[in-house]
Amino acid sequence: MKIDEVIARINELAKLAKERPLTEEELEERAKLRRIYIDNVKANLIGQLDNTYIVSPDGTKTKLKPKQ
């Protein structure tokens, strides 16, 4: 399932939740979709940070290190 489809389905379930209480199956689906979305955002952020460098005033580049 593509992330665009995940977001669209999360939005559909959010709209339904405003209209009526969600069923147990819908609540489980929403929880799974939210987890997929959060994991995707985390992976994108980690990928971006892995390719981040700090540029010093003298022009040298230092790779960003993981926080200890």
Protein backbone atom coordinates (compact mmCIF):
# COMPACT_ATOMS: atom_id res chain seq x y z
CA MET A 1 0.00 0.00 0.00
CA LYS A 2 1.44 3.37 -0.99
CA ILE A 3 1.72 6.12 1.58
CA ASP A 4 -0.77 8.26 -0.36
CA GLU A 5 -3.32 5.47 -0.09
CA VAL A 6 -2.59 5.09 3.63
CA ILE A 7 -3.14 8.81 4.22
CA ALA A 8 -6.34 8.79 2.16
CA ARG A 9 -7.73 5.87 4.16
CA ILE A 10 -6.75 7.47 7.48
CA ASN A 11 -8.62 10.60 6.39
CA GLU A 12 -11.68 8.54 5.41
CA LEU A 13 -11.71 6.89 8.82
CA ALA A 14 -11.29 10.28 10.53
CA LYS A 15 -14.30 11.60 8.63
CA LEU A 16 -16.32 8.52 9.59
CA ALA A 17 -15.31 8.94 13.24
CA LYS A 18 -16.80 12.44 13.22
CA GLU A 19 -20.09 11.10 11.85
CA ARG A 20 -20.44 7.96 13.98
CA PRO A 21 -18.46 5.74 16.35
CA LEU A 22 -16.04 3.46 14.53
CA THR A 23 -16.41 -0.31 14.71
CA GLU A 24 -13.73 -2.48 16.31
CA GLU A 25 -12.44 -3.48 12.85
CA GLU A 26 -12.22 0.17 11.78
CA LEU A 27 -10.40 1.10 15.00
CA GLU A 28 -7.87 -1.70 14.42
CA GLU A 29 -7.42 -0.68 10.78
CA ARG A 30 -6.90 2.96 11.81
CA ALA A 31 -4.28 1.95 14.39
CA LYS A 32 -2.39 -0.17 11.83
CA LEU A 33 -2.51 2.60 9.22
CA ARG A 34 -1.29 5.18 11.72
CA ARG A 35 1.62 2.89 12.66
CA ILE A 36 2.52 2.51 8.95
CA TYR A 37 2.42 6.30 8.54
CA ILE A 38 4.53 6.98 11.65
CA ASP A 39 7.11 4.35 10.65
CA ASN A 40 7.32 5.91 7.18
CA VAL A 41 7.86 9.41 8.59
CA LYS A 42 10.56 8.11 10.94
CA ALA A 43 12.35 6.26 8.13
CA ASN A 44 12.29 9.37 5.93
CA LEU A 45 13.68 11.52 8.75
CA ILE A 46 16.44 9.03 9.54
CA GLY A 47 17.36 8.87 5.85
CA GLN A 48 17.51 12.64 5.68
CA LEU A 49 19.64 12.93 8.83
CA ASP A 50 22.00 10.20 7.57
CA ASN A 51 22.76 12.44 4.59
CA THR A 52 23.15 15.67 6.57
CA TYR A 53 26.46 17.45 6.90
CA ILE A 54 27.47 20.46 8.96
CA VAL A 55 29.47 22.98 6.96
CA SER A 56 32.01 24.97 9.00
CA PRO A 57 32.89 28.59 8.16
CA ASP A 58 36.18 27.38 6.66
CA GLY A 59 34.23 25.17 4.23
CA THR A 60 34.91 21.74 5.74
CA LYS A 61 32.04 19.30 5.90
CA THR A 62 31.39 17.14 8.95
CA LYS A 63 28.91 14.28 8.82
CA LEU A 64 26.20 14.48 11.46
CA LYS A 65 26.84 11.87 14.16
CA PRO A 66 24.15 9.96 16.10
CA LYS A 67 23.43 11.35 19.55
CA GLN A 68 25.02 9.31 22.32
